[in-house]
Amino acid sequence: MKVQNISDIEKFFEVVDQCSGKVELVTGEGDRLNLKSKLSQYVSLAKIFSNGDIPELEIVAYEKNDIEKLMTFLFKG
């Protein structure tokens, strides 16, 4: 799923941490970062904020329940 305008990145990572399956961030180069890894979270934060704005991100979740959690967060905050 492609997402934009994540205003509360801390809450976003809390939701990711609650997911039971793998959640990945797909970079512009096609690399996949495991967002359940704290190191990957820090790397993705650095990449996201490197130019001062939050671009469109592609997030991949593999479990149906995880997709629902992420969608709920994105639509309701």
PDB file of N, CA and C in Angstrom:
ATOM      1  N   MET A   1       0.833  -1.165   0.000  1.00  0.00           N
ATOM      2  CA  MET A   1       0.000   0.000   0.000  1.00  0.00           C
ATOM      3  C   MET A   1       0.880   1.231   0.000  1.00  0.00           C
ATOM      4  N   LYS A   2       0.447   2.242  -0.720  1.00  0.00           N
ATOM      5  CA  LYS A   2       1.187   3.499  -0.746  1.00  0.00           C
ATOM      6  C   LYS A   2       0.547   4.437   0.256  1.00  0.00           C
ATOM      7  N   VAL A   3       1.380   5.081   1.054  1.00  0.00           N
ATOM      8  CA  VAL A   3       0.878   5.981   2.085  1.00  0.00           C
ATOM      9  C   VAL A   3       1.587   7.325   1.986  1.00  0.00           C
ATOM     10  N   GLN A   4       0.896   8.349   2.452  1.00  0.00           N
ATOM     11  CA  GLN A   4       1.441   9.701   2.481  1.00  0.00           C
ATOM     12  C   GLN A   4       1.056  10.363   3.793  1.00  0.00           C
ATOM     13  N   ASN A   5       1.782  11.409   4.123  1.00  0.00           N
ATOM     14  CA  ASN A   5       1.409  12.287   5.233  1.00  0.00           C
ATOM     15  C   ASN A   5       1.216  11.566   6.562  1.00  0.00           C
ATOM     16  N   ILE A   6       2.181  10.769   6.953  1.00  0.00           N
ATOM     17  CA  ILE A   6       2.150  10.184   8.295  1.00  0.00           C
ATOM     18  C   ILE A   6       2.625  11.272   9.240  1.00  0.00           C
ATOM     19  N   SER A   7       1.696  11.799  10.025  1.00  0.00           N
ATOM     20  CA  SER A   7       2.053  12.926  10.882  1.00  0.00           C
ATOM     21  C   SER A   7       2.597  12.483  12.237  1.00  0.00           C
ATOM     22  N   ASP A   8       2.201  11.304  12.705  1.00  0.00           N
ATOM     23  CA  ASP A   8       2.667  10.804  14.002  1.00  0.00           C
ATOM     24  C   ASP A   8       3.497   9.539  13.761  1.00  0.00           C
ATOM     25  N   ILE A   9       4.761   9.722  13.473  1.00  0.00           N
ATOM     26  CA  ILE A   9       5.630   8.600  13.112  1.00  0.00           C
ATOM     27  C   ILE A   9       5.831   7.657  14.297  1.00  0.00           C
ATOM     28  N   GLU A  10       5.837   8.200  15.534  1.00  0.00           N
ATOM     29  CA  GLU A  10       5.970   7.347  16.725  1.00  0.00           C
ATOM     30  C   GLU A  10       4.799   6.391  16.838  1.00  0.00           C
ATOM     31  N   LYS A  11       3.605   6.907  16.671  1.00  0.00           N
ATOM     32  CA  LYS A  11       2.396   6.077  16.739  1.00  0.00           C
ATOM     33  C   LYS A  11       2.403   5.059  15.600  1.00  0.00           C
ATOM     34  N   PHE A  12       2.865   5.473  14.421  1.00  0.00           N
ATOM     35  CA  PHE A  12       2.959   4.552  13.289  1.00  0.00           C
ATOM     36  C   PHE A  12       3.844   3.360  13.639  1.00  0.00           C
ATOM     37  N   PHE A  13       5.006   3.620  14.230  1.00  0.00           N
ATOM     38  CA  PHE A  13       5.905   2.524  14.597  1.00  0.00           C
ATOM     39  C   PHE A  13       5.335   1.687  15.735  1.00  0.00           C
ATOM     40  N   GLU A  14       4.533   2.283  16.614  1.00  0.00           N
ATOM     41  CA  GLU A  14       3.852   1.499  17.655  1.00  0.00           C
ATOM     42  C   GLU A  14       2.893   0.499  17.006  1.00  0.00           C
ATOM     43  N   VAL A  15       2.160   0.949  15.995  1.00  0.00           N
ATOM     44  CA  VAL A  15       1.238   0.062  15.282  1.00  0.00           C
ATOM     45  C   VAL A  15       2.023  -1.036  14.569  1.00  0.00           C
ATOM     46  N   VAL A  16       3.136  -0.681  13.940  1.00  0.00           N
ATOM     47  CA  VAL A  16       3.985  -1.674  13.270  1.00  0.00           C
ATOM     48  C   VAL A  16       4.467  -2.711  14.275  1.00  0.00           C
ATOM     49  N   ASP A  17       4.880  -2.260  15.459  1.00  0.00           N
ATOM     50  CA  ASP A  17       5.366  -3.186  16.490  1.00  0.00           C
ATOM     51  C   ASP A  17       4.274  -4.152  16.954  1.00  0.00           C
ATOM     52  N   GLN A  18       3.015  -3.746  16.870  1.00  0.00           N
ATOM     53  CA  GLN A  18       1.899  -4.605  17.265  1.00  0.00           C
ATOM     54  C   GLN A  18       1.544  -5.639  16.195  1.00  0.00           C
ATOM     55  N   CYS A  19       2.056  -5.482  15.003  1.00  0.00           N
ATOM     56  CA  CYS A  19       1.745  -6.413  13.918  1.00  0.00           C
ATOM     57  C   CYS A  19       2.404  -7.767  14.189  1.00  0.00           C
ATOM     58  N   SER A  20       1.713  -8.828  13.816  1.00  0.00           N
ATOM     59  CA  SER A  20       2.229 -10.175  14.076  1.00  0.00           C
ATOM     60  C   SER A  20       3.149 -10.677  12.964  1.00  0.00           C
ATOM     61  N   GLY A  21       2.964 -10.184  11.766  1.00  0.00           N
ATOM     62  CA  GLY A  21       3.781 -10.630  10.639  1.00  0.00           C
ATOM     63  C   GLY A  21       4.785  -9.579  10.217  1.00  0.00           C
ATOM     64  N   LYS A  22       5.403  -9.832   9.081  1.00  0.00           N
ATOM     65  CA  LYS A  22       6.423  -8.934   8.557  1.00  0.00           C
ATOM     66  C   LYS A  22       5.771  -7.692   7.948  1.00  0.00           C
ATOM     67  N   VAL A  23       6.349  -6.518   8.232  1.00  0.00           N
ATOM     68  CA  VAL A  23       5.924  -5.254   7.646  1.00  0.00           C
ATOM     69  C   VAL A  23       7.172  -4.620   7.058  1.00  0.00           C
ATOM     70  N   GLU A  24       7.102  -4.261   5.782  1.00  0.00           N
ATOM     71  CA  GLU A  24       8.284  -3.745   5.096  1.00  0.00           C
ATOM     72  C   GLU A  24       8.020  -2.373   4.488  1.00  0.00           C
ATOM     73  N   LEU A  25       9.079  -1.577   4.442  1.00  0.00           N
ATOM     74  CA  LEU A  25       9.085  -0.316   3.721  1.00  0.00           C
ATOM     75  C   LEU A  25       9.855  -0.569   2.435  1.00  0.00           C
ATOM     76  N   VAL A  26       9.251  -0.257   1.297  1.00  0.00           N
ATOM     77  CA  VAL A  26       9.924  -0.431   0.009  1.00  0.00           C
ATOM     78  C   VAL A  26      10.519   0.917  -0.375  1.00  0.00           C
ATOM     79  N   THR A  27      11.828   0.951  -0.548  1.00  0.00           N
ATOM     80  CA  THR A  27      12.511   2.191  -0.902  1.00  0.00           C
ATOM     81  C   THR A  27      12.324   2.486  -2.386  1.00  0.00           C
ATOM     82  N   GLY A  28      12.680   3.678  -2.784  1.00  0.00           N
ATOM     83  CA  GLY A  28      12.606   4.063  -4.197  1.00  0.00           C
ATOM     84  C   GLY A  28      13.468   3.202  -5.090  1.00  0.00           C
ATOM     85  N   GLU A  29      14.516   2.604  -4.508  1.00  0.00           N
ATOM     86  CA  GLU A  29      15.406   1.728  -5.267  1.00  0.00           C
ATOM     87  C   GLU A  29      14.908   0.285  -5.301  1.00  0.00           C
ATOM     88  N   GLY A  30      13.796   0.018  -4.602  1.00  0.00           N
ATOM     89  CA  GLY A  30      13.242  -1.335  -4.578  1.00  0.00           C
ATOM     90  C   GLY A  30      13.724  -2.187  -3.419  1.00  0.00           C
ATOM     91  N   ASP A  31      14.583  -1.629  -2.555  1.00  0.00           N
ATOM     92  CA  ASP A  31      15.020  -2.372  -1.373  1.00  0.00           C
ATOM     93  C   ASP A  31      13.860  -2.453  -0.387  1.00  0.00           C
ATOM     94  N   ARG A  32      13.852  -3.527   0.401  1.00  0.00           N
ATOM     95  CA  ARG A  32      12.798  -3.710   1.404  1.00  0.00           C
ATOM     96  C   ARG A  32      13.422  -3.700   2.791  1.00  0.00           C
ATOM     97  N   LEU A  33      12.939  -2.766   3.623  1.00  0.00           N
ATOM     98  CA  LEU A  33      13.417  -2.658   4.999  1.00  0.00           C
ATOM     99  C   LEU A  33      12.363  -3.239   5.924  1.00  0.00           C
ATOM    100  N   ASN A  34      12.784  -4.135   6.807  1.00  0.00           N
ATOM    101  CA  ASN A  34      11.891  -4.741   7.783  1.00  0.00           C
ATOM    102  C   ASN A  34      11.583  -3.717   8.867  1.00  0.00           C
ATOM    103  N   LEU A  35      10.360  -3.195   8.876  1.00  0.00           N
ATOM    104  CA  LEU A  35      10.002  -2.151   9.831  1.00  0.00           C
ATOM    105  C   LEU A  35       9.798  -2.671  11.248  1.00  0.00           C
ATOM    106  N   LYS A  36       9.823  -3.969  11.443  1.00  0.00           N
ATOM    107  CA  LYS A  36       9.733  -4.512  12.798  1.00  0.00           C
ATOM    108  C   LYS A  36      11.094  -4.445  13.488  1.00  0.00           C
ATOM    109  N   SER A  37      12.140  -4.220  12.731  1.00  0.00           N
ATOM    110  CA  SER A  37      13.492  -4.085  13.266  1.00  0.00           C
ATOM    111  C   SER A  37      13.714  -2.637  13.694  1.00  0.00           C
ATOM    112  N   LYS A  38      14.173  -2.442  14.919  1.00  0.00           N
ATOM    113  CA  LYS A  38      14.439  -1.082  15.407  1.00  0.00           C
ATOM    114  C   LYS A  38      15.510  -0.392  14.559  1.00  0.00           C
ATOM    115  N   LEU A  39      16.519  -1.126  14.153  1.00  0.00           N
ATOM    116  CA  LEU A  39      17.560  -0.540  13.303  1.00  0.00           C
ATOM    117  C   LEU A  39      16.955  -0.046  11.991  1.00  0.00           C
ATOM    118  N   SER A  40      16.115  -0.852  11.384  1.00  0.00           N
ATOM    119  CA  SER A  40      15.469  -0.439  10.138  1.00  0.00           C
ATOM    120  C   SER A  40      14.557   0.752  10.356  1.00  0.00           C
ATOM    121  N   GLN A  41      13.906   0.819  11.518  1.00  0.00           N
ATOM    122  CA  GLN A  41      13.066   1.977  11.816  1.00  0.00           C
ATOM    123  C   GLN A  41      13.908   3.247  11.844  1.00  0.00           C
ATOM    124  N   TYR A  42      15.071   3.186  12.480  1.00  0.00           N
ATOM    125  CA  TYR A  42      15.942   4.367  12.544  1.00  0.00           C
ATOM    126  C   TYR A  42      16.473   4.729  11.161  1.00  0.00           C
ATOM    127  N   VAL A  43      16.833   3.728  10.378  1.00  0.00           N
ATOM    128  CA  VAL A  43      17.326   3.985   9.015  1.00  0.00           C
ATOM    129  C   VAL A  43      16.218   4.618   8.182  1.00  0.00           C
ATOM    130  N   SER A  44      15.017   4.078   8.298  1.00  0.00           N
ATOM    131  CA  SER A  44      13.910   4.620   7.506  1.00  0.00           C
ATOM    132  C   SER A  44      13.576   6.043   7.943  1.00  0.00           C
ATOM    133  N   LEU A  45      13.640   6.320   9.250  1.00  0.00           N
ATOM    134  CA  LEU A  45      13.410   7.683   9.735  1.00  0.00           C
ATOM    135  C   LEU A  45      14.430   8.645   9.143  1.00  0.00           C
ATOM    136  N   ALA A  46      15.682   8.251   9.147  1.00  0.00           N
ATOM    137  CA  ALA A  46      16.729   9.104   8.594  1.00  0.00           C
ATOM    138  C   ALA A  46      16.477   9.370   7.114  1.00  0.00           C
ATOM    139  N   LYS A  47      16.067   8.346   6.388  1.00  0.00           N
ATOM    140  CA  LYS A  47      15.802   8.499   4.959  1.00  0.00           C
ATOM    141  C   LYS A  47      14.571   9.373   4.724  1.00  0.00           C
ATOM    142  N   ILE A  48      13.530   9.135   5.516  1.00  0.00           N
ATOM    143  CA  ILE A  48      12.284   9.883   5.348  1.00  0.00           C
ATOM    144  C   ILE A  48      12.500  11.379   5.569  1.00  0.00           C
ATOM    145  N   PHE A  49      13.256  11.724   6.620  1.00  0.00           N
ATOM    146  CA  PHE A  49      13.403  13.127   6.985  1.00  0.00           C
ATOM    147  C   PHE A  49      14.674  13.776   6.438  1.00  0.00           C
ATOM    148  N   SER A  50      15.390  13.097   5.573  1.00  0.00           N
ATOM    149  CA  SER A  50      16.661  13.622   5.078  1.00  0.00           C
ATOM    150  C   SER A  50      16.500  14.904   4.269  1.00  0.00           C
ATOM    151  N   ASN A  51      15.377  15.074   3.592  1.00  0.00           N
ATOM    152  CA  ASN A  51      15.213  16.290   2.792  1.00  0.00           C
ATOM    153  C   ASN A  51      14.119  17.209   3.342  1.00  0.00           C
ATOM    154  N   GLY A  52      13.626  16.937   4.545  1.00  0.00           N
ATOM    155  CA  GLY A  52      12.701  17.844   5.199  1.00  0.00           C
ATOM    156  C   GLY A  52      11.224  17.603   4.965  1.00  0.00           C
ATOM    157  N   ASP A  53      10.882  16.706   4.052  1.00  0.00           N
ATOM    158  CA  ASP A  53       9.463  16.390   3.894  1.00  0.00           C
ATOM    159  C   ASP A  53       9.272  14.883   3.856  1.00  0.00           C
ATOM    160  N   ILE A  54       8.023  14.453   4.028  1.00  0.00           N
ATOM    161  CA  ILE A  54       7.722  13.028   4.024  1.00  0.00           C
ATOM    162  C   ILE A  54       7.135  12.670   2.669  1.00  0.00           C
ATOM    163  N   PRO A  55       7.872  11.937   1.874  1.00  0.00           N
ATOM    164  CA  PRO A  55       7.375  11.556   0.557  1.00  0.00           C
ATOM    165  C   PRO A  55       6.341  10.442   0.673  1.00  0.00           C
ATOM    166  N   GLU A  56       5.809  10.062  -0.464  1.00  0.00           N
ATOM    167  CA  GLU A  56       4.932   8.898  -0.491  1.00  0.00           C
ATOM    168  C   GLU A  56       5.769   7.669  -0.177  1.00  0.00           C
ATOM    169  N   LEU A  57       5.249   6.801   0.674  1.00  0.00           N
ATOM    170  CA  LEU A  57       5.947   5.586   1.077  1.00  0.00           C
ATOM    171  C   LEU A  57       5.159   4.375   0.616  1.00  0.00           C
ATOM    172  N   GLU A  58       5.864   3.306   0.312  1.00  0.00           N
ATOM    173  CA  GLU A  58       5.190   2.052   0.027  1.00  0.00           C
ATOM    174  C   GLU A  58       5.447   1.098   1.180  1.00  0.00           C
ATOM    175  N   ILE A  59       4.369   0.647   1.804  1.00  0.00           N
ATOM    176  CA  ILE A  59       4.429  -0.275   2.927  1.00  0.00           C
ATOM    177  C   ILE A  59       3.817  -1.597   2.485  1.00  0.00           C
ATOM    178  N   VAL A  60       4.473  -2.706   2.832  1.00  0.00           N
ATOM    179  CA  VAL A  60       3.953  -4.031   2.509  1.00  0.00           C
ATOM    180  C   VAL A  60       3.771  -4.797   3.811  1.00  0.00           C
ATOM    181  N   ALA A  61       2.552  -5.285   4.028  1.00  0.00           N
ATOM    182  CA  ALA A  61       2.257  -6.156   5.164  1.00  0.00           C
ATOM    183  C   ALA A  61       1.685  -7.447   4.591  1.00  0.00           C
ATOM    184  N   TYR A  62       1.993  -8.561   5.220  1.00  0.00           N
ATOM    185  CA  TYR A  62       1.636  -9.860   4.669  1.00  0.00           C
ATOM    186  C   TYR A  62       0.458 -10.533   5.357  1.00  0.00           C
ATOM    187  N   GLU A  63       0.133 -10.102   6.573  1.00  0.00           N
ATOM    188  CA  GLU A  63      -0.965 -10.697   7.325  1.00  0.00           C
ATOM    189  C   GLU A  63      -2.201  -9.795   7.224  1.00  0.00           C
ATOM    190  N   LYS A  64      -3.351 -10.410   7.013  1.00  0.00           N
ATOM    191  CA  LYS A  64      -4.595  -9.645   6.859  1.00  0.00           C
ATOM    192  C   LYS A  64      -4.857  -8.752   8.071  1.00  0.00           C
ATOM    193  N   ASN A  65      -4.673  -9.280   9.269  1.00  0.00           N
ATOM    194  CA  ASN A  65      -4.901  -8.490  10.483  1.00  0.00           C
ATOM    195  C   ASN A  65      -3.959  -7.297  10.561  1.00  0.00           C
ATOM    196  N   ASP A  66      -2.727  -7.494  10.109  1.00  0.00           N
ATOM    197  CA  ASP A  66      -1.749  -6.403  10.129  1.00  0.00           C
ATOM    198  C   ASP A  66      -2.147  -5.301   9.149  1.00  0.00           C
ATOM    199  N   ILE A  67      -2.628  -5.693   7.985  1.00  0.00           N
ATOM    200  CA  ILE A  67      -3.082  -4.719   6.990  1.00  0.00           C
ATOM    201  C   ILE A  67      -4.231  -3.898   7.575  1.00  0.00           C
ATOM    202  N   GLU A  68      -5.157  -4.573   8.266  1.00  0.00           N
ATOM    203  CA  GLU A  68      -6.285  -3.870   8.881  1.00  0.00           C
ATOM    204  C   GLU A  68      -5.818  -2.893   9.954  1.00  0.00           C
ATOM    205  N   LYS A  69      -4.834  -3.297  10.776  1.00  0.00           N
ATOM    206  CA  LYS A  69      -4.296  -2.391  11.808  1.00  0.00           C
ATOM    207  C   LYS A  69      -3.686  -1.152  11.177  1.00  0.00           C
ATOM    208  N   LEU A  70      -2.885  -1.370  10.144  1.00  0.00           N
ATOM    209  CA  LEU A  70      -2.216  -0.241   9.475  1.00  0.00           C
ATOM    210  C   LEU A  70      -3.239   0.680   8.801  1.00  0.00           C
ATOM    211  N   MET A  71      -4.233   0.090   8.148  1.00  0.00           N
ATOM    212  CA  MET A  71      -5.257   0.897   7.466  1.00  0.00           C
ATOM    213  C   MET A  71      -6.055   1.711   8.496  1.00  0.00           C
ATOM    214  N   THR A  72      -6.387   1.087   9.617  1.00  0.00           N
ATOM    215  CA  THR A  72      -7.116   1.804  10.670  1.00  0.00           C
ATOM    216  C   THR A  72      -6.302   3.000  11.148  1.00  0.00           C
ATOM    217  N   PHE A  73      -5.018   2.790  11.401  1.00  0.00           N
ATOM    218  CA  PHE A  73      -4.151   3.888  11.825  1.00  0.00           C
ATOM    219  C   PHE A  73      -4.116   4.993  10.768  1.00  0.00           C
ATOM    220  N   LEU A  74      -3.943   4.616   9.516  1.00  0.00           N
ATOM    221  CA  LEU A  74      -3.798   5.614   8.454  1.00  0.00           C
ATOM    222  C   LEU A  74      -5.074   6.430   8.251  1.00  0.00           C
ATOM    223  N   PHE A  75      -6.233   5.804   8.432  1.00  0.00           N
ATOM    224  CA  PHE A  75      -7.483   6.520   8.200  1.00  0.00           C
ATOM    225  C   PHE A  75      -8.017   7.220   9.442  1.00  0.00           C
ATOM    226  N   LYS A  76      -7.740   6.673  10.625  1.00  0.00           N
ATOM    227  CA  LYS A  76      -8.298   7.243  11.848  1.00  0.00           C
ATOM    228  C   LYS A  76      -7.255   7.902  12.743  1.00  0.00           C
ATOM    229  N   GLY A  77      -5.987   7.572  12.523  1.00  0.00           N
ATOM    230  CA  GLY A  77      -4.931   8.161  13.318  1.00  0.00           C
ATOM    231  C   GLY A  77      -4.651   7.515  14.618  1.00  0.00           C
TER     232      GLY A  77
END
